[in-house]
All heavy atoms as atom14 arrays in JSON, in Angstrom:
{
  "sequence": "SHLSFLSEELFTDVTAGEKYRVDLLVETKLKGEDGLIIVHV",
  "atom14_mask": [
    [1, 1, 1, 1, 1, 1, 0, 0, 0, 0, 0, 0, 0, 0],
    [1, 1, 1, 1, 1, 1, 1, 1, 1, 1, 0, 0, 0, 0],
    [1, 1, 1, 1, 1, 1, 1, 1, 0, 0, 0, 0, 0, 0],
    [1, 1, 1, 1, 1, 1, 0, 0, 0, 0, 0, 0, 0, 0],
    [1, 1, 1, 1, 1, 1, 1, 1, 1, 1, 1, 0, 0, 0],
    [1, 1, 1, 1, 1, 1, 1, 1, 0, 0, 0, 0, 0, 0],
    [1, 1, 1, 1, 1, 1, 0, 0, 0, 0, 0, 0, 0, 0],
    [1, 1, 1, 1, 1, 1, 1, 1, 1, 0, 0, 0, 0, 0],
    [1, 1, 1, 1, 1, 1, 1, 1, 1, 0, 0, 0, 0, 0],
    [1, 1, 1, 1, 1, 1, 1, 1, 0, 0, 0, 0, 0, 0],
    [1, 1, 1, 1, 1, 1, 1, 1, 1, 1, 1, 0, 0, 0],
    [1, 1, 1, 1, 1, 1, 1, 0, 0, 0, 0, 0, 0, 0],
    [1, 1, 1, 1, 1, 1, 1, 1, 0, 0, 0, 0, 0, 0],
    [1, 1, 1, 1, 1, 1, 1, 0, 0, 0, 0, 0, 0, 0],
    [1, 1, 1, 1, 1, 1, 1, 0, 0, 0, 0, 0, 0, 0],
    [1, 1, 1, 1, 1, 0, 0, 0, 0, 0, 0, 0, 0, 0],
    [1, 1, 1, 1, 0, 0, 0, 0, 0, 0, 0, 0, 0, 0],
    [1, 1, 1, 1, 1, 1, 1, 1, 1, 0, 0, 0, 0, 0],
    [1, 1, 1, 1, 1, 1, 1, 1, 1, 0, 0, 0, 0, 0],
    [1, 1, 1, 1, 1, 1, 1, 1, 1, 1, 1, 1, 0, 0],
    [1, 1, 1, 1, 1, 1, 1, 1, 1, 1, 1, 0, 0, 0],
    [1, 1, 1, 1, 1, 1, 1, 0, 0, 0, 0, 0, 0, 0],
    [1, 1, 1, 1, 1, 1, 1, 1, 0, 0, 0, 0, 0, 0],
    [1, 1, 1, 1, 1, 1, 1, 1, 0, 0, 0, 0, 0, 0],
    [1, 1, 1, 1, 1, 1, 1, 1, 0, 0, 0, 0, 0, 0],
    [1, 1, 1, 1, 1, 1, 1, 0, 0, 0, 0, 0, 0, 0],
    [1, 1, 1, 1, 1, 1, 1, 1, 1, 0, 0, 0, 0, 0],
    [1, 1, 1, 1, 1, 1, 1, 0, 0, 0, 0, 0, 0, 0],
    [1, 1, 1, 1, 1, 1, 1, 1, 1, 0, 0, 0, 0, 0],
    [1, 1, 1, 1, 1, 1, 1, 1, 0, 0, 0, 0, 0, 0],
    [1, 1, 1, 1, 1, 1, 1, 1, 1, 0, 0, 0, 0, 0],
    [1, 1, 1, 1, 0, 0, 0, 0, 0, 0, 0, 0, 0, 0],
    [1, 1, 1, 1, 1, 1, 1, 1, 1, 0, 0, 0, 0, 0],
    [1, 1, 1, 1, 1, 1, 1, 1, 0, 0, 0, 0, 0, 0],
    [1, 1, 1, 1, 0, 0, 0, 0, 0, 0, 0, 0, 0, 0],
    [1, 1, 1, 1, 1, 1, 1, 1, 0, 0, 0, 0, 0, 0],
    [1, 1, 1, 1, 1, 1, 1, 1, 0, 0, 0, 0, 0, 0],
    [1, 1, 1, 1, 1, 1, 1, 1, 0, 0, 0, 0, 0, 0],
    [1, 1, 1, 1, 1, 1, 1, 0, 0, 0, 0, 0, 0, 0],
    [1, 1, 1, 1, 1, 1, 1, 1, 1, 1, 0, 0, 0, 0],
    [1, 1, 1, 1, 1, 1, 1, 0, 0, 0, 0, 0, 0, 0]
  ],
  "atom14_positions": [
    [[0.87, -1.22, -0.01], [0.01, -0.01, 0.01], [0.85, 1.24, 0.01], [0.35, 2.34, -0.18], [-0.96, 0.02, 1.19], [-0.17, 0.09, 2.42], [0.0, 0.0, 0.0], [0.0, 0.0, 0.0], [0.0, 0.0, 0.0], [0.0, 0.0, 0.0], [0.0, 0.0, 0.0], [0.0, 0.0, 0.0], [0.0, 0.0, 0.0], [0.0, 0.0, 0.0]],
    [[2.14, 1.11, 0.25], [3.1, 2.22, 0.19], [4.14, 1.9, -0.89], [5.17, 1.3, -0.58], [3.82, 2.35, 1.52], [2.9, 2.86, 2.67], [2.1, 1.96, 3.4], [2.64, 4.08, 3.04], [1.44, 2.65, 4.26], [1.67, 3.93, 4.06], [0.0, 0.0, 0.0], [0.0, 0.0, 0.0], [0.0, 0.0, 0.0], [0.0, 0.0, 0.0]],
    [[3.91, 2.34, -2.13], [4.83, 2.21, -3.2], [5.07, 3.52, -3.9], [4.11, 4.18, -4.29], [4.29, 1.17, -4.21], [4.39, -0.32, -3.89], [3.86, -1.11, -5.13], [5.77, -0.74, -3.62], [0.0, 0.0, 0.0], [0.0, 0.0, 0.0], [0.0, 0.0, 0.0], [0.0, 0.0, 0.0], [0.0, 0.0, 0.0], [0.0, 0.0, 0.0]],
    [[6.33, 3.79, -4.14], [6.61, 5.02, -4.87], [7.87, 4.74, -5.75], [8.86, 4.32, -5.31], [6.96, 6.17, -3.97], [7.33, 7.36, -4.63], [0.0, 0.0, 0.0], [0.0, 0.0, 0.0], [0.0, 0.0, 0.0], [0.0, 0.0, 0.0], [0.0, 0.0, 0.0], [0.0, 0.0, 0.0], [0.0, 0.0, 0.0], [0.0, 0.0, 0.0]],
    [[7.69, 4.95, -7.04], [8.79, 4.7, -7.99], [9.69, 6.0, -8.08], [9.12, 7.06, -8.49], [8.22, 4.29, -9.38], [7.51, 2.95, -9.28], [6.18, 2.91, -9.19], [8.27, 1.76, -9.38], [5.51, 1.68, -9.12], [7.62, 0.54, -9.33], [6.2, 0.52, -9.14], [0.0, 0.0, 0.0], [0.0, 0.0, 0.0], [0.0, 0.0, 0.0]],
    [[10.88, 5.85, -7.73], [11.79, 6.96, -7.75], [12.34, 7.27, -9.05], [12.45, 6.38, -9.97], [12.9, 6.75, -6.67], [12.47, 6.43, -5.27], [13.69, 6.12, -4.36], [11.58, 7.55, -4.68], [0.0, 0.0, 0.0], [0.0, 0.0, 0.0], [0.0, 0.0, 0.0], [0.0, 0.0, 0.0], [0.0, 0.0, 0.0], [0.0, 0.0, 0.0]],
    [[12.89, 8.46, -9.31], [13.46, 8.88, -10.53], [14.75, 8.09, -10.77], [15.4, 7.67, -9.83], [13.72, 10.36, -10.62], [14.56, 10.77, -9.57], [0.0, 0.0, 0.0], [0.0, 0.0, 0.0], [0.0, 0.0, 0.0], [0.0, 0.0, 0.0], [0.0, 0.0, 0.0], [0.0, 0.0, 0.0], [0.0, 0.0, 0.0], [0.0, 0.0, 0.0]],
    [[15.18, 8.01, -12.04], [16.38, 7.32, -12.37], [17.62, 7.91, -11.73], [17.67, 9.18, -11.67], [16.57, 7.24, -13.9], [15.57, 6.41, -14.58], [15.74, 6.38, -16.09], [16.38, 7.33, -16.6], [15.24, 5.41, -16.75], [0.0, 0.0, 0.0], [0.0, 0.0, 0.0], [0.0, 0.0, 0.0], [0.0, 0.0, 0.0], [0.0, 0.0, 0.0]],
    [[18.58, 7.14, -11.38], [19.8, 7.65, -10.84], [20.92, 7.29, -11.91], [21.01, 6.25, -12.43], [20.17, 6.9, -9.53], [19.18, 7.23, -8.43], [19.41, 8.62, -7.84], [20.47, 9.22, -8.17], [18.54, 9.09, -7.05], [0.0, 0.0, 0.0], [0.0, 0.0, 0.0], [0.0, 0.0, 0.0], [0.0, 0.0, 0.0], [0.0, 0.0, 0.0]],
    [[21.71, 8.31, -12.21], [22.83, 8.18, -13.18], [24.11, 8.28, -12.44], [24.41, 9.24, -11.8], [22.69, 9.27, -14.26], [23.77, 9.2, -15.36], [23.51, 7.93, -16.21], [23.65, 10.38, -16.29], [0.0, 0.0, 0.0], [0.0, 0.0, 0.0], [0.0, 0.0, 0.0], [0.0, 0.0, 0.0], [0.0, 0.0, 0.0], [0.0, 0.0, 0.0]],
    [[24.97, 7.19, -12.55], [26.26, 7.2, -11.9], [27.37, 7.12, -12.93], [27.22, 6.44, -13.98], [26.39, 5.98, -10.96], [25.37, 5.97, -9.88], [24.68, 4.85, -9.55], [25.2, 7.11, -9.1], [23.76, 4.85, -8.42], [24.34, 7.12, -8.01], [23.59, 6.02, -7.76], [0.0, 0.0, 0.0], [0.0, 0.0, 0.0], [0.0, 0.0, 0.0]],
    [[28.46, 7.82, -12.69], [29.6, 7.72, -13.53], [30.72, 6.93, -12.95], [31.1, 7.18, -11.76], [30.13, 9.14, -13.81], [29.11, 9.93, -14.41], [31.35, 9.13, -14.73], [0.0, 0.0, 0.0], [0.0, 0.0, 0.0], [0.0, 0.0, 0.0], [0.0, 0.0, 0.0], [0.0, 0.0, 0.0], [0.0, 0.0, 0.0], [0.0, 0.0, 0.0]],
    [[31.21, 5.97, -13.61], [32.38, 5.14, -13.18], [33.61, 5.94, -13.62], [34.01, 5.95, -14.79], [32.33, 3.78, -13.85], [33.44, 2.88, -13.31], [34.48, 3.42, -12.84], [33.23, 1.68, -13.38], [0.0, 0.0, 0.0], [0.0, 0.0, 0.0], [0.0, 0.0, 0.0], [0.0, 0.0, 0.0], [0.0, 0.0, 0.0], [0.0, 0.0, 0.0]],
    [[34.17, 6.66, -12.67], [35.32, 7.44, -13.01], [36.51, 6.67, -13.58], [37.21, 7.12, -14.49], [35.8, 8.29, -11.71], [37.02, 9.09, -12.01], [34.65, 9.1, -11.2], [0.0, 0.0, 0.0], [0.0, 0.0, 0.0], [0.0, 0.0, 0.0], [0.0, 0.0, 0.0], [0.0, 0.0, 0.0], [0.0, 0.0, 0.0], [0.0, 0.0, 0.0]],
    [[36.77, 5.52, -13.04], [37.85, 4.7, -13.48], [37.7, 4.22, -14.94], [38.53, 4.36, -15.75], [38.01, 3.47, -12.54], [38.14, 3.9, -11.24], [39.25, 2.64, -12.97], [0.0, 0.0, 0.0], [0.0, 0.0, 0.0], [0.0, 0.0, 0.0], [0.0, 0.0, 0.0], [0.0, 0.0, 0.0], [0.0, 0.0, 0.0], [0.0, 0.0, 0.0]],
    [[36.48, 3.68, -15.18], [36.24, 3.14, -16.58], [35.8, 4.23, -17.55], [35.8, 3.98, -18.72], [35.2, 2.07, -16.43], [0.0, 0.0, 0.0], [0.0, 0.0, 0.0], [0.0, 0.0, 0.0], [0.0, 0.0, 0.0], [0.0, 0.0, 0.0], [0.0, 0.0, 0.0], [0.0, 0.0, 0.0], [0.0, 0.0, 0.0], [0.0, 0.0, 0.0]],
    [[35.39, 5.36, -17.01], [34.88, 6.43, -17.86], [33.55, 6.18, -18.53], [33.21, 6.64, -19.59], [0.0, 0.0, 0.0], [0.0, 0.0, 0.0], [0.0, 0.0, 0.0], [0.0, 0.0, 0.0], [0.0, 0.0, 0.0], [0.0, 0.0, 0.0], [0.0, 0.0, 0.0], [0.0, 0.0, 0.0], [0.0, 0.0, 0.0], [0.0, 0.0, 0.0]],
    [[32.72, 5.32, -17.85], [31.41, 4.91, -18.35], [30.29, 5.44, -17.43], [30.53, 5.64, -16.2], [31.31, 3.4, -18.49], [32.28, 2.86, -19.52], [32.2, 1.37, -19.61], [31.55, 0.79, -18.76], [32.72, 0.77, -20.55], [0.0, 0.0, 0.0], [0.0, 0.0, 0.0], [0.0, 0.0, 0.0], [0.0, 0.0, 0.0], [0.0, 0.0, 0.0]],
    [[29.12, 5.67, -18.0], [28.0, 6.1, -17.26], [27.0, 4.98, -17.18], [26.71, 4.3, -18.15], [27.32, 7.36, -17.85], [28.2, 8.58, -17.78], [27.48, 9.82, -18.32], [28.36, 11.09, -18.17], [27.68, 12.26, -18.65], [0.0, 0.0, 0.0], [0.0, 0.0, 0.0], [0.0, 0.0, 0.0], [0.0, 0.0, 0.0], [0.0, 0.0, 0.0]],
    [[26.44, 4.72, -15.99], [25.44, 3.73, -15.8], [24.19, 4.35, -15.16], [24.28, 5.17, -14.21], [25.99, 2.66, -14.82], [27.19, 1.88, -15.41], [28.47, 2.13, -14.95], [26.94, 0.9, -16.32], [29.51, 1.39, -15.48], [28.04, 0.18, -16.85], [29.31, 0.45, -16.44], [30.36, -0.28, -16.97], [0.0, 0.0, 0.0], [0.0, 0.0, 0.0]],
    [[23.02, 3.82, -15.6], [21.75, 4.29, -15.12], [21.09, 3.17, -14.31], [20.92, 2.09, -14.86], [20.85, 4.81, -16.29], [19.66, 5.59, -15.84], [18.85, 6.02, -17.06], [19.69, 6.87, -17.97], [19.9, 8.17, -17.8], [19.33, 8.81, -16.81], [20.64, 8.81, -18.67], [0.0, 0.0, 0.0], [0.0, 0.0, 0.0], [0.0, 0.0, 0.0]],
    [[20.74, 3.44, -13.15], [20.04, 2.42, -12.29], [18.67, 2.22, -12.94], [17.95, 3.09, -13.28], [19.8, 2.95, -10.88], [18.92, 2.03, -10.02], [21.22, 3.01, -10.2], [0.0, 0.0, 0.0], [0.0, 0.0, 0.0], [0.0, 0.0, 0.0], [0.0, 0.0, 0.0], [0.0, 0.0, 0.0], [0.0, 0.0, 0.0], [0.0, 0.0, 0.0]],
    [[18.31, 0.9, -13.11], [17.09, 0.52, -13.81], [15.81, 0.93, -13.05], [14.93, 1.64, -13.62], [17.07, -0.92, -14.14], [18.05, -1.24, -15.25], [18.49, -0.37, -15.93], [18.43, -2.47, -15.4], [0.0, 0.0, 0.0], [0.0, 0.0, 0.0], [0.0, 0.0, 0.0], [0.0, 0.0, 0.0], [0.0, 0.0, 0.0], [0.0, 0.0, 0.0]],
    [[15.66, 0.43, -11.82], [14.39, 0.64, -11.16], [14.59, 0.82, -9.68], [15.2, -0.04, -9.01], [13.43, -0.55, -11.4], [11.99, -0.44, -10.9], [11.28, 0.73, -11.53], [11.26, -1.71, -11.08], [0.0, 0.0, 0.0], [0.0, 0.0, 0.0], [0.0, 0.0, 0.0], [0.0, 0.0, 0.0], [0.0, 0.0, 0.0], [0.0, 0.0, 0.0]],
    [[14.07, 1.86, -9.1], [14.09, 2.12, -7.66], [12.71, 2.26, -7.13], [11.93, 3.11, -7.68], [14.92, 3.35, -7.34], [16.41, 3.33, -7.62], [17.01, 4.74, -7.28], [17.11, 2.3, -6.74], [0.0, 0.0, 0.0], [0.0, 0.0, 0.0], [0.0, 0.0, 0.0], [0.0, 0.0, 0.0], [0.0, 0.0, 0.0], [0.0, 0.0, 0.0]],
    [[12.37, 1.48, -6.07], [11.03, 1.54, -5.48], [11.14, 1.79, -4.03], [11.79, 1.1, -3.32], [10.34, 0.16, -5.73], [8.83, 0.31, -5.25], [10.35, -0.19, -7.17], [0.0, 0.0, 0.0], [0.0, 0.0, 0.0], [0.0, 0.0, 0.0], [0.0, 0.0, 0.0], [0.0, 0.0, 0.0], [0.0, 0.0, 0.0], [0.0, 0.0, 0.0]],
    [[10.46, 2.88, -3.6], [10.41, 3.21, -2.22], [9.17, 2.6, -1.58], [8.09, 2.81, -2.14], [10.43, 4.78, -2.02], [10.65, 5.2, -0.58], [10.63, 6.71, -0.49], [9.63, 7.37, -0.75], [11.73, 7.27, -0.27], [0.0, 0.0, 0.0], [0.0, 0.0, 0.0], [0.0, 0.0, 0.0], [0.0, 0.0, 0.0], [0.0, 0.0, 0.0]],
    [[9.33, 1.86, -0.5], [8.23, 1.15, 0.09], [8.45, 1.01, 1.6], [9.42, 1.6, 2.15], [7.96, -0.19, -0.63], [6.84, -0.75, -0.02], [9.17, -1.11, -0.42], [0.0, 0.0, 0.0], [0.0, 0.0, 0.0], [0.0, 0.0, 0.0], [0.0, 0.0, 0.0], [0.0, 0.0, 0.0], [0.0, 0.0, 0.0], [0.0, 0.0, 0.0]],
    [[7.58, 0.17, 2.23], [7.71, -0.05, 3.66], [7.61, -1.56, 3.87], [7.11, -2.32, 3.08], [6.68, 0.63, 4.45], [6.72, 2.09, 4.5], [5.63, 2.68, 5.41], [5.72, 4.19, 5.56], [4.63, 4.69, 6.41], [0.0, 0.0, 0.0], [0.0, 0.0, 0.0], [0.0, 0.0, 0.0], [0.0, 0.0, 0.0], [0.0, 0.0, 0.0]],
    [[8.13, -2.01, 5.12], [7.88, -3.36, 5.51], [6.67, -3.36, 6.5], [6.36, -2.37, 7.1], [9.09, -3.86, 6.34], [10.36, -4.02, 5.59], [11.52, -4.55, 6.49], [10.22, -4.96, 4.43], [0.0, 0.0, 0.0], [0.0, 0.0, 0.0], [0.0, 0.0, 0.0], [0.0, 0.0, 0.0], [0.0, 0.0, 0.0], [0.0, 0.0, 0.0]],
    [[5.92, -4.4, 6.5], [4.73, -4.46, 7.28], [5.05, -4.29, 8.74], [5.99, -4.95, 9.23], [3.96, -5.83, 7.06], [3.42, -6.0, 5.64], [2.82, -7.36, 5.45], [2.26, -7.58, 4.07], [1.72, -8.98, 3.86], [0.0, 0.0, 0.0], [0.0, 0.0, 0.0], [0.0, 0.0, 0.0], [0.0, 0.0, 0.0], [0.0, 0.0, 0.0]],
    [[4.3, -3.45, 9.39], [4.48, -3.27, 10.81], [5.6, -2.31, 11.21], [5.95, -2.16, 12.37], [0.0, 0.0, 0.0], [0.0, 0.0, 0.0], [0.0, 0.0, 0.0], [0.0, 0.0, 0.0], [0.0, 0.0, 0.0], [0.0, 0.0, 0.0], [0.0, 0.0, 0.0], [0.0, 0.0, 0.0], [0.0, 0.0, 0.0], [0.0, 0.0, 0.0]],
    [[6.31, -1.7, 10.15], [7.33, -0.79, 10.42], [7.01, 0.53, 9.79], [6.34, 0.65, 8.79], [8.72, -1.33, 9.86], [9.17, -2.58, 10.55], [10.55, -3.01, 10.02], [11.25, -2.15, 9.41], [10.94, -4.12, 10.34], [0.0, 0.0, 0.0], [0.0, 0.0, 0.0], [0.0, 0.0, 0.0], [0.0, 0.0, 0.0], [0.0, 0.0, 0.0]],
    [[7.53, 1.64, 10.41], [7.33, 2.98, 9.87], [8.37, 3.43, 8.9], [8.08, 4.21, 8.02], [7.18, 4.02, 11.08], [5.99, 3.78, 11.94], [4.99, 3.32, 11.4], [6.01, 4.05, 13.15], [0.0, 0.0, 0.0], [0.0, 0.0, 0.0], [0.0, 0.0, 0.0], [0.0, 0.0, 0.0], [0.0, 0.0, 0.0], [0.0, 0.0, 0.0]],
    [[9.56, 3.01, 9.05], [10.65, 3.47, 8.23], [10.57, 2.99, 6.73], [9.96, 1.88, 6.52], [0.0, 0.0, 0.0], [0.0, 0.0, 0.0], [0.0, 0.0, 0.0], [0.0, 0.0, 0.0], [0.0, 0.0, 0.0], [0.0, 0.0, 0.0], [0.0, 0.0, 0.0], [0.0, 0.0, 0.0], [0.0, 0.0, 0.0], [0.0, 0.0, 0.0]],
    [[11.04, 3.82, 5.86], [11.09, 3.44, 4.45], [12.22, 2.57, 4.09], [13.3, 2.68, 4.69], [11.04, 4.72, 3.65], [9.84, 5.63, 3.74], [10.1, 6.95, 2.97], [8.62, 4.96, 3.12], [0.0, 0.0, 0.0], [0.0, 0.0, 0.0], [0.0, 0.0, 0.0], [0.0, 0.0, 0.0], [0.0, 0.0, 0.0], [0.0, 0.0, 0.0]],
    [[12.05, 1.72, 3.09], [13.13, 1.0, 2.47], [13.1, 1.25, 0.97], [12.13, 1.77, 0.42], [13.05, -0.52, 2.72], [11.87, -1.13, 2.08], [13.01, -0.8, 4.25], [11.82, -2.64, 2.03], [0.0, 0.0, 0.0], [0.0, 0.0, 0.0], [0.0, 0.0, 0.0], [0.0, 0.0, 0.0], [0.0, 0.0, 0.0], [0.0, 0.0, 0.0]],
    [[14.19, 0.86, 0.34], [14.26, 1.01, -1.14], [14.62, -0.34, -1.72], [15.5, -1.04, -1.35], [15.27, 2.09, -1.6], [14.87, 3.48, -1.19], [15.57, 1.95, -3.07], [15.88, 4.58, -1.49], [0.0, 0.0, 0.0], [0.0, 0.0, 0.0], [0.0, 0.0, 0.0], [0.0, 0.0, 0.0], [0.0, 0.0, 0.0], [0.0, 0.0, 0.0]],
    [[13.82, -0.76, -2.79], [14.12, -1.96, -3.53], [14.69, -1.51, -4.83], [14.12, -0.74, -5.6], [12.84, -2.8, -3.79], [13.12, -4.04, -4.57], [12.18, -3.14, -2.44], [0.0, 0.0, 0.0], [0.0, 0.0, 0.0], [0.0, 0.0, 0.0], [0.0, 0.0, 0.0], [0.0, 0.0, 0.0], [0.0, 0.0, 0.0], [0.0, 0.0, 0.0]],
    [[15.97, -1.95, -5.09], [16.64, -1.69, -6.37], [16.66, -2.95, -7.23], [17.2, -3.99, -6.85], [18.08, -1.19, -6.05], [18.99, -1.15, -7.23], [20.34, -1.48, -7.18], [18.74, -0.95, -8.51], [20.84, -1.41, -8.36], [19.91, -1.04, -9.19], [0.0, 0.0, 0.0], [0.0, 0.0, 0.0], [0.0, 0.0, 0.0], [0.0, 0.0, 0.0]],
    [[16.03, -2.83, -8.43], [16.02, -3.96, -9.37], [16.87, -3.52, -10.6], [16.59, -2.54, -11.24], [14.59, -4.25, -9.8], [14.59, -5.46, -10.74], [13.68, -4.5, -8.65], [0.0, 0.0, 0.0], [0.0, 0.0, 0.0], [0.0, 0.0, 0.0], [0.0, 0.0, 0.0], [0.0, 0.0, 0.0], [0.0, 0.0, 0.0], [0.0, 0.0, 0.0]]
  ]
}
């Protein structure tokens, strides 16, 4: 019941000189807990 899809994150690998974009980030909660967690797929 608590799902939020976060915007894409773009990271640069300084050593390799390549850019990588994180595919999917989901902000949600665990049952019975108030704090948020993030699922990265």
